[in-house]
Amino acid sequence: MSKNKKAVVVTAATLATTVFLSGCGLFGGEEKKKIDPPQDVTIMEDGKAVDENVSTETKEDGKEAVETSVQTELYLIDKNGYVVSQTLELPKTESVAKQALEYLVANGPVEQMLPNGFRAVLPADTQMSVNIKDGTATVDFSKEFATYKKEDEKRILQAVTWTLTQFDSINEVKLQMNGTPLEAMPVNGTPIGGELSRADGINIDNSDVVDITNTKALTVYYIGGEEGAYYYVPVTKRVSNDVKDNITAVVNELVEGPAFASNLLSEFQADVKLLNDPKNEDGKVTLDFNESILEEKMVSEHLLNSLVLSLTEQEGVESVALTVNGKADILSETGEKLAEPVTRPEKVNTGSF
């Protein structure tokens, strides 16, 4: 899956040249949606590249001052039990991976920052070390790690994996406790089976799957929360191995929508259809829909966001362009023309609720 994660320096010049669509906001409380992301910039500290997002501001003398905080995605648990990314400002540190995990600990520093309805995923007083080598992060937890409730076991695996793999230097995760590798989780015995990755899924929905061995995983994003405080929830679903086109499969899952009792939403109407096969040219996917994709002749912001987030989870997909009946003159929810392909933002769910 494509994680589309790059270290970025946000400067005044960059912000001035970034194109935005105003609307209900891509992630929570934000009122603007990024269309053209900043250029990739490698951040250097003492001659070493730093894998984090550092914001800067311009002083009166024209010099840039580096801020002391970084935006970090923390995968927390919402009130419905879903593992959901929330982007929070954390103090700048050289140990970004270890810090991210420390902010997943209950009664820890994250408690004063938790969005409404969210809770931390790791047991209180849990300590850890993180060793990163050749793309694998080995996490060694203290004995307090084994004090979680059994219903949180899979959520912990997902939260730790997805939080760590936001960093470019980490593709897989290994777990230990008190120096001993974990082959299974200590409370309810969920098998770990070596390395963990995003390919293992998140908020897994196996409903209506008869033969899981003949299926493959696809992660799509539905809408969680409530009016005025919406956010995007990744859900891994299973589709038949006979389905060869993952892009079409993602669209079909969004149209089908979340499970009835999921407390999640989708703004795709049941009669939304692709009129032609998707085109993928150098990472830009073009989708031609029927008019059912439109609401009052415009594309819903939440529909567009869910579509872009879901498709950019697929390997090689970097941006999404839409046409309706073969025509590209589509308007956003605010009445602005979608003139450029839409790219995934650097961070997910950046609003505060």
Protein backbone atom coordinates (compact mmCIF):
# COMPACT_ATOMS: atom_id res chain seq x y z
CA MET A 1 0.00 0.00 0.00
CA SER A 2 1.14 3.50 -0.72
CA LYS A 3 1.66 5.52 2.43
CA ASN A 4 2.57 8.71 0.57
CA LYS A 5 4.59 10.03 3.47
CA LYS A 6 7.27 12.63 2.89
CA ALA A 7 9.17 15.01 5.14
CA VAL A 8 8.15 18.56 4.30
CA VAL A 9 9.30 22.02 5.29
CA VAL A 10 6.33 24.38 5.24
CA THR A 11 7.53 27.87 4.47
CA ALA A 12 5.69 31.07 3.80
CA ALA A 13 6.64 30.83 0.14
CA THR A 14 5.35 27.30 -0.09
CA LEU A 15 2.03 28.25 1.47
CA ALA A 16 1.68 31.13 -0.93
CA THR A 17 2.01 28.87 -3.95
CA THR A 18 -0.14 25.99 -2.73
CA VAL A 19 -3.56 25.74 -4.38
CA PHE A 20 -6.49 25.18 -2.04
CA LEU A 21 -10.15 24.38 -2.34
CA SER A 22 -12.15 25.79 0.53
CA GLY A 23 -14.88 23.56 1.86
CA CYS A 24 -15.91 21.45 4.82
CA GLY A 25 -12.28 20.50 5.32
CA LEU A 26 -10.36 17.37 4.51
CA PHE A 27 -9.65 16.38 8.07
CA GLY A 28 -11.91 17.55 10.82
CA GLY A 29 -11.86 21.25 11.54
CA GLU A 30 -9.73 22.41 8.65
CA GLU A 31 -11.55 24.67 6.24
CA LYS A 32 -9.27 24.12 3.25
CA LYS A 33 -8.25 21.12 1.19
CA LYS A 34 -4.80 20.82 -0.31
CA ILE A 35 -4.63 20.19 -4.04
CA ASP A 36 -0.94 20.66 -4.85
CA PRO A 37 1.30 19.53 -1.97
CA PRO A 38 4.56 21.28 -1.10
CA GLN A 39 7.67 20.03 -2.80
CA ASP A 40 9.60 17.28 -1.03
CA VAL A 41 12.38 18.70 1.12
CA THR A 42 14.93 16.70 3.07
CA ILE A 43 15.48 18.11 6.55
CA MET A 44 19.05 17.89 7.81
CA GLU A 45 20.21 17.94 11.41
CA ASP A 46 23.91 17.61 12.17
CA GLY A 47 24.40 16.20 8.69
CA LYS A 48 21.62 13.61 9.08
CA ALA A 49 18.22 13.54 7.43
CA VAL A 50 15.34 13.92 9.87
CA ASP A 51 12.15 12.02 9.06
CA GLU A 52 9.50 14.42 10.32
CA ASN A 53 7.42 17.44 9.36
CA VAL A 54 8.90 20.67 10.68
CA SER A 55 6.99 23.90 10.36
CA THR A 56 8.77 27.21 10.04
CA GLU A 57 7.83 30.84 10.23
CA THR A 58 9.49 33.96 8.91
CA LYS A 59 10.85 36.52 11.37
CA GLU A 60 10.68 40.26 10.81
CA ASP A 61 14.31 40.20 9.63
CA GLY A 62 13.36 37.73 6.92
CA LYS A 63 15.06 34.73 8.51
CA GLU A 64 13.21 31.51 9.15
CA ALA A 65 12.77 30.25 12.69
CA VAL A 66 12.24 26.53 13.14
CA GLU A 67 9.28 25.71 15.35
CA THR A 68 9.66 23.42 18.34
CA SER A 69 6.76 21.12 17.39
CA VAL A 70 6.08 18.58 14.66
CA GLN A 71 2.83 17.19 13.28
CA THR A 72 2.56 13.49 14.06
CA GLU A 73 -0.17 10.99 13.28
CA LEU A 74 -1.29 9.09 16.37
CA TYR A 75 -3.61 6.15 15.84
CA LEU A 76 -6.07 6.35 18.73
CA ILE A 77 -9.38 4.63 19.54
CA ASP A 78 -12.63 6.52 18.93
CA LYS A 79 -15.88 6.08 20.83
CA ASN A 80 -17.02 3.34 18.45
CA GLY A 81 -13.84 1.32 18.89
CA TYR A 82 -12.22 2.24 15.57
CA VAL A 83 -8.49 2.85 15.27
CA VAL A 84 -8.27 6.32 13.72
CA SER A 85 -5.41 8.67 12.92
CA GLN A 86 -5.42 12.03 14.65
CA THR A 87 -2.68 14.48 13.72
CA LEU A 88 -1.36 16.30 16.78
CA GLU A 89 1.45 18.77 17.39
CA LEU A 90 4.15 17.04 19.43
CA PRO A 91 7.39 18.54 20.79
CA LYS A 92 10.23 18.28 18.33
CA THR A 93 12.61 15.43 19.14
CA GLU A 94 15.22 13.28 17.42
CA SER A 95 13.40 10.10 18.53
CA VAL A 96 10.18 10.67 16.60
CA ALA A 97 9.17 6.99 16.44
CA LYS A 98 9.61 6.39 20.18
CA GLN A 99 7.86 9.64 20.98
CA ALA A 100 4.88 8.71 18.82
CA LEU A 101 4.45 5.47 20.79
CA GLU A 102 4.82 7.30 24.10
CA TYR A 103 1.86 9.44 23.06
CA LEU A 104 -0.25 6.30 22.63
CA VAL A 105 0.03 5.48 26.36
CA ALA A 106 -2.99 6.02 28.59
CA ASN A 107 -2.56 8.63 31.33
CA GLY A 108 0.53 9.84 29.49
CA PRO A 109 1.29 13.16 27.78
CA VAL A 110 -1.46 12.63 25.18
CA GLU A 111 -4.25 12.86 27.76
CA GLN A 112 -4.43 16.66 27.62
CA MET A 113 -4.51 16.56 23.80
CA LEU A 114 -7.09 13.85 23.10
CA PRO A 115 -9.93 14.89 20.77
CA ASN A 116 -13.42 14.42 22.17
CA GLY A 117 -14.47 10.77 22.20
CA PHE A 118 -10.95 9.41 21.69
CA ARG A 119 -8.73 7.43 24.06
CA ALA A 120 -5.15 6.21 24.11
CA VAL A 121 -4.48 2.62 23.11
CA LEU A 122 -1.52 1.42 25.21
CA PRO A 123 -1.86 0.56 28.93
CA ALA A 124 -0.85 3.17 31.49
CA ASP A 125 2.82 3.21 32.57
CA THR A 126 3.93 1.23 29.50
CA GLN A 127 7.49 2.06 28.53
CA MET A 128 9.29 1.08 25.37
CA SER A 129 12.45 1.28 23.30
CA VAL A 130 12.49 1.45 19.51
CA ASN A 131 15.35 0.18 17.33
CA ILE A 132 15.10 0.88 13.59
CA LYS A 133 17.20 -1.09 11.13
CA ASP A 134 16.74 -1.80 7.42
CA GLY A 135 13.16 -0.56 7.40
CA THR A 136 12.06 -2.58 10.43
CA ALA A 137 11.26 -1.05 13.82
CA THR A 138 11.72 -3.43 16.74
CA VAL A 139 9.70 -2.26 19.73
CA ASP A 140 10.52 -3.65 23.17
CA PHE A 141 7.69 -3.00 25.65
CA SER A 142 7.89 -3.13 29.44
CA LYS A 143 5.82 -5.61 31.45
CA GLU A 144 2.98 -3.07 31.79
CA PHE A 145 2.20 -3.69 28.13
CA ALA A 146 0.45 -6.96 29.12
CA THR A 147 -2.21 -5.19 31.21
CA TYR A 148 -4.56 -4.16 28.39
CA LYS A 149 -8.14 -5.41 28.00
CA LYS A 150 -8.45 -8.33 25.59
CA GLU A 151 -10.93 -6.47 23.37
CA ASP A 152 -8.19 -3.93 22.62
CA GLU A 153 -5.63 -6.51 21.51
CA LYS A 154 -6.06 -6.18 17.73
CA ARG A 155 -6.52 -2.42 18.05
CA ILE A 156 -3.13 -2.20 19.75
CA LEU A 157 -1.46 -4.16 16.95
CA GLN A 158 -3.03 -1.89 14.34
CA ALA A 159 -2.40 1.37 16.20
CA VAL A 160 1.27 0.61 16.85
CA THR A 161 1.87 -0.57 13.28
CA TRP A 162 0.13 2.32 11.53
CA THR A 163 1.60 4.94 13.86
CA LEU A 164 5.16 3.75 13.25
CA THR A 165 4.84 3.17 9.50
CA GLN A 166 3.95 6.82 8.91
CA PHE A 167 7.71 7.43 9.02
CA ASP A 168 9.66 6.88 5.81
CA SER A 169 12.33 4.85 7.58
CA ILE A 170 9.82 2.23 8.82
CA ASN A 171 7.99 -0.32 6.66
CA GLU A 172 7.54 -3.15 9.16
CA VAL A 173 7.29 -3.59 12.92
CA LYS A 174 8.45 -6.33 15.31
CA LEU A 175 7.23 -6.54 18.91
CA GLN A 176 9.06 -7.66 22.02
CA MET A 177 8.28 -7.56 25.74
CA ASN A 178 11.09 -7.44 28.28
CA GLY A 179 13.53 -8.35 25.51
CA THR A 180 11.65 -11.47 24.39
CA PRO A 181 10.15 -11.51 20.86
CA LEU A 182 6.37 -11.82 20.86
CA GLU A 183 4.99 -14.56 18.62
CA ALA A 184 1.51 -13.90 19.97
CA MET A 185 -0.09 -11.11 21.97
CA PRO A 186 0.18 -11.66 25.74
CA VAL A 187 -3.48 -11.28 26.80
CA ASN A 188 -5.74 -12.92 24.21
CA GLY A 189 -3.14 -14.77 22.16
CA THR A 190 -3.61 -13.06 18.79
CA PRO A 191 -0.85 -14.45 16.53
CA ILE A 192 1.71 -11.93 15.38
CA GLY A 193 3.68 -14.05 12.94
CA GLY A 194 6.87 -12.02 12.68
CA GLU A 195 6.77 -8.58 11.10
CA LEU A 196 3.68 -6.40 11.10
CA SER A 197 2.85 -4.00 8.26
CA ARG A 198 -0.02 -1.96 6.88
CA ALA A 199 -0.78 -4.89 4.61
CA ASP A 200 -2.21 -6.61 7.70
CA GLY A 201 -5.07 -4.12 7.62
CA ILE A 202 -6.89 -1.88 10.06
CA ASN A 203 -10.45 -1.91 11.44
CA ILE A 204 -10.89 -5.17 9.53
CA ASP A 205 -14.38 -5.92 8.19
CA ASN A 206 -14.80 -9.55 7.18
CA SER A 207 -18.60 -9.45 7.09
CA ASP A 208 -20.20 -11.26 4.17
CA VAL A 209 -16.93 -13.08 3.44
CA VAL A 210 -17.51 -16.82 3.03
CA ASP A 211 -14.06 -17.99 1.93
CA ILE A 212 -11.42 -15.59 3.22
CA THR A 213 -8.64 -17.62 1.62
CA ASN A 214 -9.87 -16.57 -1.83
CA THR A 215 -9.87 -12.86 -1.03
CA LYS A 216 -7.46 -9.95 -0.80
CA ALA A 217 -7.44 -6.90 1.43
CA LEU A 218 -8.36 -3.38 0.35
CA THR A 219 -8.39 -0.40 2.70
CA VAL A 220 -11.01 2.28 2.08
CA TYR A 221 -11.94 5.39 4.06
CA TYR A 222 -15.43 6.04 5.40
CA ILE A 223 -16.71 8.97 7.44
CA GLY A 224 -16.83 8.78 11.23
CA GLY A 225 -17.77 11.23 13.95
CA GLU A 226 -20.74 13.51 13.81
CA GLU A 227 -21.84 16.71 12.13
CA GLY A 228 -19.32 19.45 12.76
CA ALA A 229 -16.70 16.95 13.88
CA TYR A 230 -16.31 14.45 11.05
CA TYR A 231 -13.12 12.48 10.46
CA TYR A 232 -12.01 9.71 8.12
CA VAL A 233 -11.82 6.08 9.27
CA PRO A 234 -9.75 3.48 7.38
CA VAL A 235 -11.49 0.11 7.05
CA THR A 236 -9.87 -2.96 5.54
CA LYS A 237 -12.35 -5.05 3.57
CA ARG A 238 -11.99 -8.30 1.65
CA VAL A 239 -12.66 -8.64 -2.07
CA SER A 240 -12.41 -11.68 -4.31
CA ASN A 241 -9.03 -12.57 -5.78
CA ASP A 242 -10.88 -12.78 -9.10
CA VAL A 243 -11.11 -8.97 -9.05
CA LYS A 244 -7.98 -7.87 -10.90
CA ASP A 245 -8.51 -4.09 -10.96
CA ASN A 246 -8.01 -2.78 -7.42
CA ILE A 247 -8.93 0.78 -8.39
CA THR A 248 -12.38 -0.28 -9.59
CA ALA A 249 -12.69 -2.51 -6.53
CA VAL A 250 -12.03 0.45 -4.22
CA VAL A 251 -14.70 2.52 -5.98
CA ASN A 252 -17.16 -0.36 -5.70
CA GLU A 253 -16.51 -0.72 -1.96
CA LEU A 254 -17.08 3.01 -1.44
CA VAL A 255 -20.35 2.81 -3.38
CA GLU A 256 -21.42 -0.25 -1.39
CA GLY A 257 -20.66 1.69 1.77
CA PRO A 258 -19.84 0.57 5.31
CA ALA A 259 -21.64 -2.19 7.17
CA PHE A 260 -25.10 -1.19 8.36
CA ALA A 261 -24.27 -1.34 12.07
CA SER A 262 -20.84 0.27 11.71
CA ASN A 263 -21.77 3.84 12.75
CA LEU A 264 -19.82 4.96 9.68
CA LEU A 265 -21.07 6.91 6.68
CA SER A 266 -20.42 7.21 2.96
CA GLU A 267 -21.59 9.98 0.64
CA PHE A 268 -21.53 7.71 -2.41
CA GLN A 269 -25.02 7.05 -3.73
CA ALA A 270 -25.93 3.48 -4.68
CA ASP A 271 -26.30 4.37 -8.38
CA VAL A 272 -22.80 5.87 -8.77
CA LYS A 273 -20.98 4.02 -11.56
CA LEU A 274 -17.76 4.16 -13.54
CA LEU A 275 -18.51 4.62 -17.23
CA ASN A 276 -15.05 3.55 -18.39
CA ASP A 277 -12.11 1.62 -17.04
CA PRO A 278 -9.82 3.73 -14.82
CA LYS A 279 -6.71 5.17 -16.45
CA ASN A 280 -3.45 5.21 -14.51
CA GLU A 281 -0.72 7.33 -16.07
CA ASP A 282 2.44 7.85 -14.03
CA GLY A 283 0.54 7.69 -10.75
CA LYS A 284 -2.38 9.86 -11.85
CA VAL A 285 -5.64 7.93 -11.88
CA THR A 286 -8.47 9.32 -14.01
CA LEU A 287 -12.01 8.13 -13.24
CA ASP A 288 -15.01 8.75 -15.49
CA PHE A 289 -18.27 8.62 -13.50
CA ASN A 290 -21.92 8.94 -14.36
CA GLU A 291 -23.81 12.00 -13.15
CA SER A 292 -24.81 10.27 -9.91
CA ILE A 293 -21.40 11.27 -8.53
CA LEU A 294 -22.68 14.86 -8.47
CA GLU A 295 -24.90 16.51 -5.90
CA GLU A 296 -26.57 19.62 -7.27
CA LYS A 297 -24.03 19.52 -10.13
CA MET A 298 -21.09 19.53 -7.70
CA VAL A 299 -18.85 16.90 -6.07
CA SER A 300 -19.29 16.55 -2.33
CA GLU A 301 -16.13 17.37 -0.39
CA HIS A 302 -16.48 14.28 1.83
CA LEU A 303 -17.02 12.06 -1.20
CA LEU A 304 -13.90 13.44 -2.88
CA ASN A 305 -11.84 13.09 0.29
CA SER A 306 -12.88 9.48 0.88
CA LEU A 307 -12.12 8.65 -2.73
CA VAL A 308 -8.64 10.21 -2.73
CA LEU A 309 -7.64 8.71 0.62
CA SER A 310 -8.83 5.25 -0.43
CA LEU A 311 -7.19 5.23 -3.85
CA THR A 312 -3.85 6.57 -2.65
CA GLU A 313 -3.59 3.58 -0.31
CA GLN A 314 -3.00 1.59 -3.51
CA GLU A 315 0.56 1.09 -4.69
CA GLY A 316 1.55 3.62 -7.33
CA VAL A 317 -1.46 5.91 -7.03
CA GLU A 318 -0.40 9.48 -6.27
CA SER A 319 -3.32 11.62 -7.47
CA VAL A 320 -6.90 11.37 -8.69
CA ALA A 321 -8.63 13.23 -11.51
CA LEU A 322 -12.39 13.08 -12.13
CA THR A 323 -14.53 13.37 -15.23
CA VAL A 324 -18.31 13.02 -15.60
CA ASN A 325 -19.60 11.63 -18.87
CA GLY A 326 -16.11 12.21 -20.23
CA LYS A 327 -16.06 15.91 -19.35
CA ALA A 328 -13.60 17.44 -16.91
CA ASP A 329 -15.47 20.65 -16.02
CA ILE A 330 -16.44 19.48 -12.53
CA LEU A 331 -17.13 21.81 -9.64
CA SER A 332 -16.23 21.29 -6.00
CA GLU A 333 -18.75 21.74 -3.21
CA THR A 334 -17.79 25.41 -3.01
CA GLY A 335 -18.35 25.99 -6.71
CA GLU A 336 -14.68 26.02 -7.71
CA LYS A 337 -13.48 24.06 -10.71
CA LEU A 338 -11.46 20.91 -10.06
CA ALA A 339 -8.80 21.90 -12.55
CA GLU A 340 -5.97 19.74 -11.22
CA PRO A 341 -5.67 16.13 -10.02
CA VAL A 342 -6.24 15.84 -6.28
CA THR A 343 -3.35 14.52 -4.17
CA ARG A 344 -3.31 12.96 -0.74
CA PRO A 345 -2.42 15.33 2.12
CA GLU A 346 0.71 14.81 4.17
CA LYS A 347 -1.27 14.11 7.35
CA VAL A 348 -4.76 12.71 8.01
CA ASN A 349 -7.44 14.16 10.30
CA THR A 350 -5.69 17.35 11.33
CA GLY A 351 -8.70 19.07 12.89
CA SER A 352 -9.47 19.45 16.58
CA PHE A 353 -12.90 18.54 17.88
